[in-house]
Amino acid sequence: MSSLDLPRSYGKANDGVEEHLAIVRDCIIGSGLKPIALVLGGSFGRGEGGIRRDGAGNRLPVNDYDVYIVTEGDLSPVARFKLRHLGRALASKLGIWHVDLIPVNRHDLIGGRVRMAFYDLKCGSRVFFGDPSVISEIPYEANGRIPSEEVRDLLINRMVTLMEGHPTVSPNLPSDQKARQIAKVYFAITDSRLVEHGVYETLYREKTKRLREMSRIDAVGSVIASKIDWCWRSWHCDMEANELCDHQLLSEWNQARSLLIGELVRISELLDSCSYRQDFEELISNWRGSPPASRRERVRQAVLLALQRKRSRRSIEVRMFALLKVYPEEKVFENLRLRVPRGPSSKNGAIVAGTTWSSCAQDLVEGWYGS
């Protein structure tokens, strides 16, 4: 086994991260997998991960770990299922938010379609076990070739992130973590704008420089640029107590929601695919200029239809989009009796009376991670 290779910028503040990765490595190897390499991606792979102190003075990561498991072939569905459970067990053991164990076929990594995640591994990651050449083998360099489909997938993922950051959807989540979930949404929209202009960057400090440079010609980029300082302070646990109260977080959450919805619609139409505007054309295009009563009834029917669709990854995406679009119209859910699927094997689901926006959002977040 190779020694752990972490960025110099980590220093003593990240000694705990090195210990965590040793545990992650041993658990993966102990599970029976024989990876070619284990690669640390995400903020810690880039050397930009935040550290906090707990009550005992121990230094702990404030975010999650993204660990890519490079293998010679594809893992079976059963093996992937076991990895999800191992990731949850590791998160609990290490006392952190999440450990995402991501299996990657080496042949996809070096010869598959252009992926934003693989580009980020190329430019900002560390191999902490196995063959270090897997990163240098990733062939592409030009960020302008990142396809819009990759941006769409990132924004879809951030719908889940945003729901997790809502005060009533995740009441037990610490306020500083909710703020970081919102910050991830702002950073994802930043990525979307940078890809559009052909200037995508992996490192967040470079993203912010690019964003500020182009904010004069990009209206959405200008709005996001005004949020960068807030995002960095949330990322590194440097926020005032009044900024983390539910009222302030909800205001920030709603701004992020509005920007994310607009960016999702723009990307979907750009791709000319089965877009969210098609799925909810009436809901979106006729939202304004209608009497509140009839507007609410149309929204009610659209949401009811979305929530009763067959459970699949695509249907969950559409449901999340619908819920984010109608927020905060809680009256949409008054007296609704929805057939909400429960669990991956559920066919007809259960009739749920007294459904609320928050309970629907919680169900979809659970469904996303279980799908």
Protein backbone atom coordinates (compact mmCIF):
# COMPACT_ATOMS: atom_id res chain seq x y z
CA MET A 1 0.00 0.00 0.00
CA SER A 2 1.28 3.43 -0.88
CA SER A 3 1.49 6.23 1.63
CA LEU A 4 -1.24 8.80 1.63
CA ASP A 5 -0.47 11.62 -0.75
CA LEU A 6 -2.18 14.86 0.28
CA PRO A 7 -1.66 18.40 -1.01
CA ARG A 8 1.01 20.39 0.81
CA SER A 9 -1.54 23.11 1.45
CA TYR A 10 -3.32 20.82 3.87
CA GLY A 11 -0.64 21.07 6.55
CA LYS A 12 -1.24 20.04 10.14
CA ALA A 13 -4.85 21.21 9.95
CA ASN A 14 -5.62 18.19 7.81
CA ASP A 15 -3.82 15.51 9.80
CA GLY A 16 -7.27 14.18 10.67
CA VAL A 17 -8.11 13.90 6.97
CA GLU A 18 -5.07 11.70 6.39
CA GLU A 19 -6.19 9.42 9.22
CA HIS A 20 -9.70 9.29 7.77
CA LEU A 21 -8.41 8.29 4.35
CA ALA A 22 -6.38 5.47 5.87
CA ILE A 23 -9.60 4.15 7.42
CA VAL A 24 -11.49 4.56 4.13
CA ARG A 25 -8.72 2.74 2.28
CA ASP A 26 -8.65 -0.16 4.72
CA CYS A 27 -12.45 -0.54 4.69
CA ILE A 28 -12.59 -0.61 0.89
CA ILE A 29 -9.80 -3.17 0.64
CA GLY A 30 -11.35 -5.14 3.48
CA SER A 31 -14.67 -5.30 1.63
CA GLY A 32 -13.07 -7.55 -0.98
CA LEU A 33 -12.65 -4.98 -3.75
CA LYS A 34 -9.34 -4.90 -5.58
CA PRO A 35 -9.10 -1.34 -6.93
CA ILE A 36 -6.39 -0.17 -9.27
CA ALA A 37 -6.39 3.12 -7.40
CA LEU A 38 -8.32 5.14 -4.84
CA VAL A 39 -8.57 8.81 -5.76
CA LEU A 40 -9.63 11.65 -3.48
CA GLY A 41 -11.73 14.14 -5.42
CA GLY A 42 -14.00 17.01 -4.38
CA SER A 43 -12.86 19.92 -2.24
CA PHE A 44 -10.26 17.90 -0.34
CA GLY A 45 -8.82 16.50 -3.55
CA ARG A 46 -8.41 20.08 -4.77
CA GLY A 47 -6.80 21.14 -1.48
CA GLU A 48 -9.72 23.47 -0.72
CA GLY A 49 -11.53 21.47 1.97
CA GLY A 50 -12.65 23.28 5.11
CA ILE A 51 -11.71 22.20 8.65
CA ARG A 52 -13.53 22.88 11.92
CA ARG A 53 -12.84 22.08 15.58
CA ASP A 54 -15.24 20.00 17.64
CA GLY A 55 -15.89 20.49 21.36
CA ALA A 56 -12.78 18.52 22.26
CA GLY A 57 -10.58 20.61 19.99
CA ASN A 58 -10.22 17.92 17.33
CA ARG A 59 -9.93 19.07 13.72
CA LEU A 60 -12.68 17.66 11.50
CA PRO A 61 -13.69 18.20 7.86
CA VAL A 62 -16.74 20.38 7.39
CA ASN A 63 -17.80 18.74 4.17
CA ASP A 64 -17.89 15.27 2.67
CA TYR A 65 -15.28 13.05 1.04
CA ASP A 66 -15.55 12.08 -2.64
CA VAL A 67 -13.56 8.89 -3.15
CA TYR A 68 -13.28 7.44 -6.66
CA ILE A 69 -12.63 3.69 -6.78
CA VAL A 70 -10.90 2.90 -10.08
CA THR A 71 -11.41 -0.71 -11.22
CA GLU A 72 -10.62 -2.74 -14.34
CA GLY A 73 -14.29 -3.38 -15.15
CA ASP A 74 -17.79 -2.36 -14.15
CA LEU A 75 -19.07 -3.32 -10.72
CA SER A 76 -22.25 -5.36 -10.43
CA PRO A 77 -25.45 -3.71 -9.10
CA VAL A 78 -25.00 -5.69 -5.88
CA ALA A 79 -21.44 -4.40 -5.43
CA ARG A 80 -22.60 -0.83 -6.03
CA PHE A 81 -25.38 -1.27 -3.50
CA LYS A 82 -22.86 -2.52 -0.94
CA LEU A 83 -20.64 0.50 -1.63
CA ARG A 84 -23.50 2.88 -0.83
CA HIS A 85 -23.98 1.17 2.51
CA LEU A 86 -20.24 1.19 3.17
CA GLY A 87 -20.15 4.93 2.48
CA ARG A 88 -22.91 5.52 5.04
CA ALA A 89 -21.13 3.33 7.59
CA LEU A 90 -17.88 5.22 7.05
CA ALA A 91 -19.58 8.60 7.44
CA SER A 92 -21.03 7.47 10.75
CA LYS A 93 -17.71 6.04 11.93
CA LEU A 94 -15.74 9.15 10.99
CA GLY A 95 -18.38 11.55 12.30
CA ILE A 96 -18.72 13.50 9.04
CA TRP A 97 -21.55 14.49 6.77
CA HIS A 98 -21.07 12.01 3.95
CA VAL A 99 -18.57 9.65 2.32
CA ASP A 100 -19.33 9.18 -1.36
CA LEU A 101 -17.69 6.04 -2.77
CA ILE A 102 -17.80 6.34 -6.55
CA PRO A 103 -16.81 3.30 -8.67
CA VAL A 104 -15.14 4.15 -12.00
CA ASN A 105 -14.18 1.77 -14.78
CA ARG A 106 -10.60 2.61 -15.82
CA HIS A 107 -11.53 2.28 -19.50
CA ASP A 108 -14.28 4.91 -19.06
CA LEU A 109 -11.83 7.16 -17.26
CA ILE A 110 -9.23 7.13 -20.04
CA GLY A 111 -11.34 6.62 -23.15
CA GLY A 112 -15.00 7.36 -22.51
CA ARG A 113 -17.05 10.47 -23.16
CA VAL A 114 -15.91 13.79 -21.80
CA ARG A 115 -17.07 14.10 -18.19
CA MET A 116 -16.88 17.15 -15.96
CA ALA A 117 -16.06 14.89 -13.00
CA PHE A 118 -13.14 13.31 -14.86
CA TYR A 119 -11.83 16.70 -15.96
CA ASP A 120 -11.92 17.76 -12.29
CA LEU A 121 -10.00 14.62 -11.32
CA LYS A 122 -7.41 15.48 -13.95
CA CYS A 123 -6.95 18.99 -12.59
CA GLY A 124 -7.63 18.64 -8.88
CA SER A 125 -7.33 15.25 -7.14
CA ARG A 126 -4.91 13.01 -5.30
CA VAL A 127 -4.30 9.27 -5.62
CA PHE A 128 -3.99 8.00 -2.03
CA PHE A 129 -3.73 4.31 -2.85
CA GLY A 130 -2.60 2.32 -5.87
CA ASP A 131 -1.39 3.34 -9.31
CA PRO A 132 -0.87 7.13 -9.50
CA SER A 133 -0.74 7.04 -13.32
CA VAL A 134 -4.54 6.70 -13.61
CA ILE A 135 -4.85 10.48 -13.35
CA SER A 136 -2.22 11.26 -15.97
CA GLU A 137 -3.97 8.81 -18.31
CA ILE A 138 -7.12 10.95 -18.42
CA PRO A 139 -6.76 12.28 -21.98
CA TYR A 140 -8.58 15.58 -22.26
CA GLU A 141 -7.37 19.00 -21.25
CA ALA A 142 -9.54 21.57 -23.03
CA ASN A 143 -12.33 22.72 -20.72
CA GLY A 144 -14.29 24.18 -23.62
CA ARG A 145 -15.25 20.65 -24.67
CA ILE A 146 -17.26 19.88 -21.53
CA PRO A 147 -20.75 19.13 -22.91
CA SER A 148 -23.92 20.81 -21.69
CA GLU A 149 -25.32 17.41 -20.67
CA GLU A 150 -22.70 17.35 -17.92
CA VAL A 151 -23.88 20.72 -16.66
CA ARG A 152 -27.49 19.55 -16.68
CA ASP A 153 -26.56 16.48 -14.62
CA LEU A 154 -24.71 18.66 -12.11
CA LEU A 155 -27.66 21.03 -11.74
CA ILE A 156 -30.06 18.11 -11.30
CA ASN A 157 -27.86 16.79 -8.52
CA ARG A 158 -27.92 20.21 -6.91
CA MET A 159 -31.71 20.10 -6.66
CA VAL A 160 -31.18 17.38 -4.05
CA THR A 161 -28.45 19.44 -2.40
CA LEU A 162 -30.74 22.45 -2.20
CA MET A 163 -33.61 20.46 -0.69
CA GLU A 164 -31.23 19.09 1.93
CA GLY A 165 -30.34 22.68 2.85
CA HIS A 166 -33.95 23.72 3.56
CA PRO A 167 -34.60 24.31 7.30
CA THR A 168 -37.77 22.20 7.43
CA VAL A 169 -36.60 19.39 5.13
CA SER A 170 -33.49 18.69 7.22
CA PRO A 171 -34.38 20.01 10.69
CA ASN A 172 -31.58 18.06 12.37
CA LEU A 173 -28.86 19.25 10.02
CA PRO A 174 -26.58 21.87 11.61
CA SER A 175 -27.13 25.39 10.31
CA ASP A 176 -23.57 25.73 9.04
CA GLN A 177 -24.04 22.56 6.95
CA LYS A 178 -27.28 23.95 5.50
CA ALA A 179 -25.37 27.07 4.47
CA ARG A 180 -22.75 24.93 2.71
CA GLN A 181 -25.47 23.04 0.85
CA ILE A 182 -26.78 26.38 -0.44
CA ALA A 183 -23.24 27.44 -1.36
CA LYS A 184 -22.85 24.27 -3.46
CA VAL A 185 -25.86 25.37 -5.51
CA TYR A 186 -24.29 28.77 -6.18
CA PHE A 187 -21.02 27.11 -7.21
CA ALA A 188 -22.89 24.74 -9.57
CA ILE A 189 -24.56 27.69 -11.30
CA THR A 190 -21.10 29.26 -11.52
CA ASP A 191 -19.89 26.11 -13.30
CA SER A 192 -22.80 26.33 -15.71
CA ARG A 193 -21.98 29.89 -16.68
CA LEU A 194 -18.25 29.16 -17.04
CA VAL A 195 -18.90 26.18 -19.32
CA GLU A 196 -21.19 28.31 -21.47
CA HIS A 197 -18.40 30.86 -21.95
CA GLY A 198 -15.74 28.17 -22.47
CA VAL A 199 -13.70 29.13 -19.40
CA TYR A 200 -14.50 26.33 -16.94
CA GLU A 201 -12.08 25.90 -14.03
CA THR A 202 -11.72 23.10 -11.47
CA LEU A 203 -10.26 25.04 -8.55
CA TYR A 204 -12.84 27.16 -6.76
CA ARG A 205 -10.46 30.06 -6.30
CA GLU A 206 -10.00 30.11 -10.09
CA LYS A 207 -13.74 29.77 -10.69
CA THR A 208 -14.39 32.90 -8.64
CA LYS A 209 -11.76 34.88 -10.55
CA ARG A 210 -13.29 33.88 -13.89
CA LEU A 211 -16.79 34.62 -12.66
CA ARG A 212 -15.90 38.13 -11.53
CA GLU A 213 -14.17 38.79 -14.85
CA MET A 214 -17.26 37.88 -16.88
CA SER A 215 -19.89 39.27 -14.51
CA ARG A 216 -20.05 42.46 -16.60
CA ILE A 217 -21.40 40.54 -19.60
CA ASP A 218 -23.41 37.86 -17.81
CA ALA A 219 -26.42 38.97 -15.75
CA VAL A 220 -26.77 35.69 -13.85
CA GLY A 221 -23.03 35.55 -13.36
CA SER A 222 -23.16 39.03 -11.87
CA VAL A 223 -25.72 37.92 -9.29
CA ILE A 224 -23.71 34.83 -8.40
CA ALA A 225 -20.51 36.90 -8.15
CA SER A 226 -22.17 38.95 -5.41
CA LYS A 227 -22.65 35.71 -3.42
CA ILE A 228 -19.05 34.48 -3.62
CA ASP A 229 -17.87 35.97 -0.33
CA TRP A 230 -20.89 34.45 1.43
CA CYS A 231 -20.11 31.08 -0.15
CA TRP A 232 -16.46 31.12 0.92
CA ARG A 233 -17.32 32.05 4.49
CA SER A 234 -19.90 29.25 4.67
CA TRP A 235 -17.36 26.83 3.19
CA HIS A 236 -14.83 27.60 5.90
CA CYS A 237 -17.14 28.00 8.92
CA ASP A 238 -16.57 31.75 9.15
CA MET A 239 -20.15 33.00 9.45
CA GLU A 240 -21.82 35.13 12.11
CA ALA A 241 -24.55 33.57 14.25
CA ASN A 242 -27.24 35.88 12.81
CA GLU A 243 -26.39 34.66 9.28
CA LEU A 244 -27.17 31.08 10.31
CA CYS A 245 -30.62 31.67 11.77
CA ASP A 246 -33.46 29.94 9.91
CA HIS A 247 -34.89 33.24 8.66
CA GLN A 248 -31.64 34.32 7.00
CA LEU A 249 -30.89 30.86 5.63
CA LEU A 250 -34.39 30.59 4.18
CA SER A 251 -33.95 33.92 2.41
CA GLU A 252 -30.64 32.76 0.93
CA TRP A 253 -32.16 29.35 0.08
CA ASN A 254 -35.01 30.99 -1.85
CA GLN A 255 -32.60 33.10 -3.91
CA ALA A 256 -30.59 30.00 -4.77
CA ARG A 257 -33.82 28.16 -5.64
CA SER A 258 -34.88 30.85 -8.11
CA LEU A 259 -31.48 30.93 -9.83
CA LEU A 260 -31.27 27.13 -10.01
CA ILE A 261 -34.73 26.80 -11.57
CA GLY A 262 -33.86 29.37 -14.23
CA GLU A 263 -30.55 27.70 -15.05
CA LEU A 264 -32.16 24.23 -15.30
CA VAL A 265 -34.76 25.49 -17.74
CA ARG A 266 -32.10 27.27 -19.82
CA ILE A 267 -29.88 24.18 -20.06
CA SER A 268 -32.78 21.84 -20.83
CA GLU A 269 -33.97 24.02 -23.70
CA LEU A 270 -30.40 24.42 -24.96
CA LEU A 271 -30.15 20.65 -25.21
CA ASP A 272 -33.53 20.43 -26.94
CA SER A 273 -34.26 17.36 -24.84
CA CYS A 274 -37.26 16.30 -22.80
CA SER A 275 -36.95 19.51 -20.86
CA TYR A 276 -38.50 20.57 -17.62
CA ARG A 277 -40.32 23.28 -19.51
CA GLN A 278 -42.03 20.56 -21.53
CA ASP A 279 -42.92 18.59 -18.41
CA PHE A 280 -44.44 21.62 -16.73
CA GLU A 281 -45.14 23.96 -19.61
CA GLU A 282 -48.42 25.17 -18.22
CA LEU A 283 -47.05 25.49 -14.73
CA ILE A 284 -44.13 27.65 -15.84
CA SER A 285 -45.43 29.67 -18.79
CA ASN A 286 -48.82 30.52 -17.27
CA TRP A 287 -47.64 31.21 -13.76
CA ARG A 288 -48.06 34.97 -14.00
CA GLY A 289 -51.15 36.88 -15.02
CA SER A 290 -53.70 34.39 -13.68
CA PRO A 291 -56.12 34.77 -10.78
CA PRO A 292 -54.56 33.24 -7.64
CA ALA A 293 -57.33 30.63 -7.27
CA SER A 294 -57.08 29.21 -10.79
CA ARG A 295 -53.30 29.43 -10.76
CA ARG A 296 -53.16 27.47 -7.52
CA GLU A 297 -55.45 24.80 -8.95
CA ARG A 298 -53.25 24.35 -12.02
CA VAL A 299 -50.18 24.07 -9.83
CA ARG A 300 -52.03 21.63 -7.61
CA GLN A 301 -52.85 19.36 -10.54
CA ALA A 302 -49.35 19.54 -12.00
CA VAL A 303 -47.76 18.63 -8.69
CA LEU A 304 -50.29 15.87 -8.09
CA LEU A 305 -49.49 14.37 -11.50
CA ALA A 306 -45.73 14.60 -10.91
CA LEU A 307 -45.85 13.01 -7.48
CA GLN A 308 -47.88 10.06 -8.71
CA ARG A 309 -45.58 9.12 -11.58
CA LYS A 310 -43.79 5.81 -11.60
CA ARG A 311 -40.75 5.94 -9.35
CA SER A 312 -37.55 6.24 -11.40
CA ARG A 313 -34.55 8.54 -11.43
CA ARG A 314 -36.11 10.66 -14.19
CA SER A 315 -39.47 10.92 -12.43
CA ILE A 316 -37.76 11.93 -9.19
CA GLU A 317 -35.96 14.70 -11.09
CA VAL A 318 -39.25 15.98 -12.48
CA ARG A 319 -40.91 15.85 -9.06
CA MET A 320 -38.06 17.78 -7.47
CA PHE A 321 -38.27 20.42 -10.16
CA ALA A 322 -42.03 20.73 -9.59
CA LEU A 323 -41.63 21.12 -5.84
CA LEU A 324 -38.90 23.75 -6.21
CA LYS A 325 -40.97 25.63 -8.77
CA VAL A 326 -44.13 25.83 -6.63
CA TYR A 327 -42.36 26.73 -3.39
CA PRO A 328 -43.57 28.33 -1.11
CA GLU A 329 -47.18 27.72 -2.17
CA GLU A 330 -48.01 25.46 0.79
CA LYS A 331 -51.71 25.78 0.01
CA VAL A 332 -51.05 23.65 -3.06
CA PHE A 333 -50.81 20.71 -0.69
CA GLU A 334 -53.86 21.37 1.47
CA ASN A 335 -56.18 18.36 1.58
CA LEU A 336 -54.18 16.53 -1.10
CA ARG A 337 -54.21 12.76 -0.83
CA LEU A 338 -51.11 11.65 -2.69
CA ARG A 339 -49.99 8.16 -3.61
CA VAL A 340 -46.35 8.45 -2.62
CA PRO A 341 -44.05 5.44 -3.36
CA ARG A 342 -42.15 4.15 -0.35
CA GLY A 343 -38.99 2.13 -0.95
CA PRO A 344 -37.49 0.80 -4.21
CA SER A 345 -39.81 -2.24 -4.28
CA SER A 346 -43.00 -0.23 -3.77
CA LYS A 347 -45.37 -0.43 -6.76
CA ASN A 348 -48.47 1.45 -5.70
CA GLY A 349 -47.13 3.29 -2.68
CA ALA A 350 -49.23 4.55 0.19
CA ILE A 351 -51.96 7.15 0.32
CA VAL A 352 -50.57 10.03 2.37
CA ALA A 353 -53.06 12.53 3.75
CA GLY A 354 -52.03 15.96 5.02
CA THR A 355 -48.99 16.09 2.76
CA THR A 356 -46.77 19.17 3.01
CA TRP A 357 -44.06 20.61 0.82
CA SER A 358 -41.42 19.52 3.30
CA SER A 359 -42.69 15.93 3.59
CA CYS A 360 -42.76 15.58 -0.21
CA ALA A 361 -39.22 16.97 -0.42
CA GLN A 362 -37.99 14.57 2.27
CA ASP A 363 -39.51 11.63 0.37
CA LEU A 364 -37.84 12.64 -2.88
CA VAL A 365 -34.42 13.10 -1.25
CA GLU A 366 -34.72 9.61 0.23
CA GLY A 367 -35.85 8.25 -3.14
CA TRP A 368 -32.95 9.88 -4.94
CA TYR A 369 -30.35 8.23 -2.74
CA GLY A 370 -32.17 4.92 -2.91
CA SER A 371 -32.65 4.83 -6.68
